[in-house]
Amino acid sequence: MEVRIVPVDNQDYAVLAQKLDDYYFEIVGPVQARYAEVNKPHNMNAICVVYENGMPIACGAWKKIDDETAEIKRIYVLPEHRRKGAASMIVKAMEADAAKTGRRRFILETARTTADSASLYLSLGYHEIDYYGSPAGAENCRCFKKEI
């Protein structure tokens, strides 16, 4: 697997991001619509796509919150490629890219219904924190933080 930082208009990212939106709409319903504006690619500082044998299988991004903080966002892995390390690769790549710009604190959120995601973040050194103001609302998400 290979992680590539890609431009905001990358078609592979666009397809994967749409699959992510569809997935979240299935599990959280209309709450997903609250994210439409904040999740547009041009709002991200960097986006990435993971390729396996030349095929796009996963994506992710990070967004500047302040001079020290980046929010890791838009992590999605095609179902048939899950549990093979792609999500970990994305988180680590986005942390490394954000760290190049001076970010030392990373935050992220996931739906309360995605226990696998929470387990992944905990395994990567994140710890659960209070809700930090995402569009979903505290009742719908779990928030995590990591400092390096």
C-alpha atoms as a PDB file:
ATOM      1  CA  MET A   1       0.000   0.000   0.000  1.00  0.00           C
ATOM      2  CA  GLU A   2       1.113   3.528  -0.778  1.00  0.00           C
ATOM      3  CA  VAL A   3      -0.186   6.802   0.699  1.00  0.00           C
ATOM      4  CA  ARG A   4      -0.116   9.764  -1.666  1.00  0.00           C
ATOM      5  CA  ILE A   5      -0.845  13.390  -0.841  1.00  0.00           C
ATOM      6  CA  VAL A   6      -3.104  14.495  -3.692  1.00  0.00           C
ATOM      7  CA  PRO A   7      -4.544  17.784  -4.964  1.00  0.00           C
ATOM      8  CA  VAL A   8      -8.016  18.856  -3.831  1.00  0.00           C
ATOM      9  CA  ASP A   9      -9.504  18.032  -7.234  1.00  0.00           C
ATOM     10  CA  ASN A  10      -8.209  14.441  -7.268  1.00  0.00           C
ATOM     11  CA  GLN A  11     -10.919  12.195  -8.721  1.00  0.00           C
ATOM     12  CA  ASP A  12      -9.920   9.152  -6.671  1.00  0.00           C
ATOM     13  CA  TYR A  13     -10.366  11.192  -3.508  1.00  0.00           C
ATOM     14  CA  ALA A  14     -13.713  12.538  -4.739  1.00  0.00           C
ATOM     15  CA  VAL A  15     -15.059   9.013  -5.323  1.00  0.00           C
ATOM     16  CA  LEU A  16     -13.849   7.740  -1.935  1.00  0.00           C
ATOM     17  CA  ALA A  17     -15.121  10.836  -0.111  1.00  0.00           C
ATOM     18  CA  GLN A  18     -18.564  10.321  -1.657  1.00  0.00           C
ATOM     19  CA  LYS A  19     -18.524   6.700  -0.466  1.00  0.00           C
ATOM     20  CA  LEU A  20     -17.626   8.005   3.008  1.00  0.00           C
ATOM     21  CA  ASP A  21     -20.543  10.443   2.941  1.00  0.00           C
ATOM     22  CA  ASP A  22     -22.891   7.669   1.813  1.00  0.00           C
ATOM     23  CA  TYR A  23     -21.608   5.376   4.574  1.00  0.00           C
ATOM     24  CA  TYR A  24     -22.120   7.989   7.268  1.00  0.00           C
ATOM     25  CA  PHE A  25     -25.563   8.824   5.948  1.00  0.00           C
ATOM     26  CA  GLU A  26     -26.445   5.134   6.373  1.00  0.00           C
ATOM     27  CA  ILE A  27     -25.275   5.035   9.995  1.00  0.00           C
ATOM     28  CA  VAL A  28     -26.179   8.522  11.284  1.00  0.00           C
ATOM     29  CA  GLY A  29     -28.821   9.690   8.834  1.00  0.00           C
ATOM     30  CA  PRO A  30     -29.472  13.364   8.124  1.00  0.00           C
ATOM     31  CA  VAL A  31     -26.923  14.459  10.746  1.00  0.00           C
ATOM     32  CA  GLN A  32     -24.359  13.816   7.992  1.00  0.00           C
ATOM     33  CA  ALA A  33     -25.730  16.799   6.037  1.00  0.00           C
ATOM     34  CA  ARG A  34     -24.417  19.141   8.758  1.00  0.00           C
ATOM     35  CA  TYR A  35     -20.897  18.329   7.545  1.00  0.00           C
ATOM     36  CA  ALA A  36     -21.394  19.195   3.870  1.00  0.00           C
ATOM     37  CA  GLU A  37     -19.719  22.607   3.945  1.00  0.00           C
ATOM     38  CA  VAL A  38     -16.892  21.861   6.389  1.00  0.00           C
ATOM     39  CA  ASN A  39     -15.889  18.647   4.601  1.00  0.00           C
ATOM     40  CA  LYS A  40     -15.341  20.131   1.157  1.00  0.00           C
ATOM     41  CA  PRO A  41     -11.835  19.343  -0.125  1.00  0.00           C
ATOM     42  CA  HIS A  42     -10.821  23.010  -0.427  1.00  0.00           C
ATOM     43  CA  ASN A  43     -11.334  23.339   3.362  1.00  0.00           C
ATOM     44  CA  MET A  44      -8.595  20.780   4.041  1.00  0.00           C
ATOM     45  CA  ASN A  45      -4.907  21.562   4.362  1.00  0.00           C
ATOM     46  CA  ALA A  46      -3.950  18.196   2.877  1.00  0.00           C
ATOM     47  CA  ILE A  47      -5.764  15.178   1.543  1.00  0.00           C
ATOM     48  CA  CYS A  48      -4.453  11.728   0.796  1.00  0.00           C
ATOM     49  CA  VAL A  49      -5.403   8.572  -1.022  1.00  0.00           C
ATOM     50  CA  VAL A  50      -4.088   5.096  -0.277  1.00  0.00           C
ATOM     51  CA  TYR A  51      -3.407   2.952  -3.315  1.00  0.00           C
ATOM     52  CA  GLU A  52      -2.979  -0.794  -3.490  1.00  0.00           C
ATOM     53  CA  ASN A  53      -1.771  -2.215  -6.776  1.00  0.00           C
ATOM     54  CA  GLY A  54      -2.603   1.119  -8.385  1.00  0.00           C
ATOM     55  CA  MET A  55      -6.204   1.131  -7.172  1.00  0.00           C
ATOM     56  CA  PRO A  56      -7.539   3.752  -4.717  1.00  0.00           C
ATOM     57  CA  ILE A  57      -8.741   1.989  -1.562  1.00  0.00           C
ATOM     58  CA  ALA A  58      -8.817   4.626   1.185  1.00  0.00           C
ATOM     59  CA  CYS A  59      -8.639   8.346   1.880  1.00  0.00           C
ATOM     60  CA  GLY A  60      -8.098  10.889   4.619  1.00  0.00           C
ATOM     61  CA  ALA A  61      -7.332  14.539   5.263  1.00  0.00           C
ATOM     62  CA  TRP A  62      -6.275  17.065   7.862  1.00  0.00           C
ATOM     63  CA  LYS A  63      -7.469  20.566   8.573  1.00  0.00           C
ATOM     64  CA  LYS A  64      -5.810  23.414  10.490  1.00  0.00           C
ATOM     65  CA  ILE A  65      -7.607  24.332  13.707  1.00  0.00           C
ATOM     66  CA  ASP A  66      -4.949  26.694  15.082  1.00  0.00           C
ATOM     67  CA  ASP A  67      -1.150  27.074  14.993  1.00  0.00           C
ATOM     68  CA  GLU A  68      -0.650  23.966  17.129  1.00  0.00           C
ATOM     69  CA  THR A  69      -3.706  21.843  16.323  1.00  0.00           C
ATOM     70  CA  ALA A  70      -4.776  19.802  13.311  1.00  0.00           C
ATOM     71  CA  GLU A  71      -8.010  17.887  12.946  1.00  0.00           C
ATOM     72  CA  ILE A  72      -7.657  14.519  11.249  1.00  0.00           C
ATOM     73  CA  LYS A  73     -10.680  14.077   8.971  1.00  0.00           C
ATOM     74  CA  ARG A  74     -12.365  12.120   6.200  1.00  0.00           C
ATOM     75  CA  ILE A  75     -10.849   8.714   6.964  1.00  0.00           C
ATOM     76  CA  TYR A  76     -12.468   6.041   4.856  1.00  0.00           C
ATOM     77  CA  VAL A  77     -11.402   2.581   3.737  1.00  0.00           C
ATOM     78  CA  LEU A  78     -13.340   0.527   1.204  1.00  0.00           C
ATOM     79  CA  PRO A  79     -15.051  -2.329   3.088  1.00  0.00           C
ATOM     80  CA  GLU A  80     -13.133  -5.082   1.300  1.00  0.00           C
ATOM     81  CA  HIS A  81      -9.803  -3.481   2.322  1.00  0.00           C
ATOM     82  CA  ARG A  82     -10.510  -2.875   6.004  1.00  0.00           C
ATOM     83  CA  ARG A  83      -8.397  -4.341   8.786  1.00  0.00           C
ATOM     84  CA  LYS A  84      -5.275  -4.369   6.616  1.00  0.00           C
ATOM     85  CA  GLY A  85      -3.572  -1.240   7.985  1.00  0.00           C
ATOM     86  CA  ALA A  86      -4.773   1.427   5.550  1.00  0.00           C
ATOM     87  CA  ALA A  87      -6.530   3.545   8.199  1.00  0.00           C
ATOM     88  CA  SER A  88      -3.445   3.503  10.429  1.00  0.00           C
ATOM     89  CA  MET A  89      -1.336   4.552   7.455  1.00  0.00           C
ATOM     90  CA  ILE A  90      -3.673   7.467   6.785  1.00  0.00           C
ATOM     91  CA  VAL A  91      -3.662   8.723  10.366  1.00  0.00           C
ATOM     92  CA  LYS A  92       0.132   8.495  10.583  1.00  0.00           C
ATOM     93  CA  ALA A  93       0.607  10.188   7.193  1.00  0.00           C
ATOM     94  CA  MET A  94      -1.753  13.032   8.082  1.00  0.00           C
ATOM     95  CA  GLU A  95      -0.073  13.488  11.477  1.00  0.00           C
ATOM     96  CA  ALA A  96       3.351  13.616   9.796  1.00  0.00           C
ATOM     97  CA  ASP A  97       2.184  16.078   7.161  1.00  0.00           C
ATOM     98  CA  ALA A  98       0.537  18.329   9.746  1.00  0.00           C
ATOM     99  CA  ALA A  99       3.607  18.113  11.998  1.00  0.00           C
ATOM    100  CA  LYS A 100       5.701  19.582   9.160  1.00  0.00           C
ATOM    101  CA  THR A 101       3.640  22.755   9.601  1.00  0.00           C
ATOM    102  CA  GLY A 102       4.226  22.885  13.348  1.00  0.00           C
ATOM    103  CA  ARG A 103       1.127  21.059  14.515  1.00  0.00           C
ATOM    104  CA  ARG A 104       1.769  19.046  17.672  1.00  0.00           C
ATOM    105  CA  ARG A 105      -1.813  18.400  18.757  1.00  0.00           C
ATOM    106  CA  PHE A 106      -4.220  16.259  16.786  1.00  0.00           C
ATOM    107  CA  ILE A 107      -7.941  15.970  17.322  1.00  0.00           C
ATOM    108  CA  LEU A 108     -10.572  13.931  15.554  1.00  0.00           C
ATOM    109  CA  GLU A 109     -14.073  12.636  15.914  1.00  0.00           C
ATOM    110  CA  THR A 110     -15.991   9.569  14.919  1.00  0.00           C
ATOM    111  CA  ALA A 111     -19.602   8.495  15.091  1.00  0.00           C
ATOM    112  CA  ARG A 112     -20.627   6.875  18.355  1.00  0.00           C
ATOM    113  CA  THR A 113     -21.739   3.857  16.331  1.00  0.00           C
ATOM    114  CA  THR A 114     -18.262   3.141  14.907  1.00  0.00           C
ATOM    115  CA  ALA A 115     -16.568   1.218  17.712  1.00  0.00           C
ATOM    116  CA  ASP A 116     -13.874  -0.076  15.333  1.00  0.00           C
ATOM    117  CA  SER A 117     -12.798   3.487  14.589  1.00  0.00           C
ATOM    118  CA  ALA A 118     -12.570   4.350  18.278  1.00  0.00           C
ATOM    119  CA  SER A 119     -10.449   1.234  18.882  1.00  0.00           C
ATOM    120  CA  LEU A 120      -8.111   2.249  16.069  1.00  0.00           C
ATOM    121  CA  TYR A 121      -7.597   5.750  17.463  1.00  0.00           C
ATOM    122  CA  LEU A 122      -6.943   4.435  20.956  1.00  0.00           C
ATOM    123  CA  SER A 123      -4.371   1.988  19.545  1.00  0.00           C
ATOM    124  CA  LEU A 124      -2.598   4.906  17.821  1.00  0.00           C
ATOM    125  CA  GLY A 125      -2.127   6.825  21.072  1.00  0.00           C
ATOM    126  CA  TYR A 126      -5.239   8.992  21.066  1.00  0.00           C
ATOM    127  CA  HIS A 127      -7.344   9.406  24.176  1.00  0.00           C
ATOM    128  CA  GLU A 128     -10.997  10.280  24.400  1.00  0.00           C
ATOM    129  CA  ILE A 129     -11.838  13.894  25.172  1.00  0.00           C
ATOM    130  CA  ASP A 130     -14.966  15.964  25.649  1.00  0.00           C
ATOM    131  CA  TYR A 131     -16.943  17.069  22.633  1.00  0.00           C
ATOM    132  CA  TYR A 132     -15.139  19.924  20.881  1.00  0.00           C
ATOM    133  CA  GLY A 133     -17.861  21.424  18.742  1.00  0.00           C
ATOM    134  CA  SER A 134     -18.161  19.376  15.568  1.00  0.00           C
ATOM    135  CA  PRO A 135     -21.274  19.744  13.403  1.00  0.00           C
ATOM    136  CA  ALA A 136     -22.739  16.384  14.506  1.00  0.00           C
ATOM    137  CA  GLY A 137     -23.409  17.393  18.078  1.00  0.00           C
ATOM    138  CA  ALA A 138     -22.164  15.745  21.260  1.00  0.00           C
ATOM    139  CA  GLU A 139     -24.887  13.114  21.264  1.00  0.00           C
ATOM    140  CA  ASN A 140     -23.633  11.723  17.938  1.00  0.00           C
ATOM    141  CA  CYS A 141     -19.858  11.661  18.175  1.00  0.00           C
ATOM    142  CA  ARG A 142     -16.857  10.615  20.199  1.00  0.00           C
ATOM    143  CA  CYS A 143     -13.846  12.929  20.158  1.00  0.00           C
ATOM    144  CA  PHE A 144     -10.164  12.057  20.536  1.00  0.00           C
ATOM    145  CA  LYS A 145      -6.869  13.882  20.998  1.00  0.00           C
ATOM    146  CA  LYS A 146      -3.165  13.127  20.735  1.00  0.00           C
ATOM    147  CA  GLU A 147      -0.162  15.301  21.478  1.00  0.00           C
ATOM    148  CA  ILE A 148       3.359  14.748  20.203  1.00  0.00           C
END
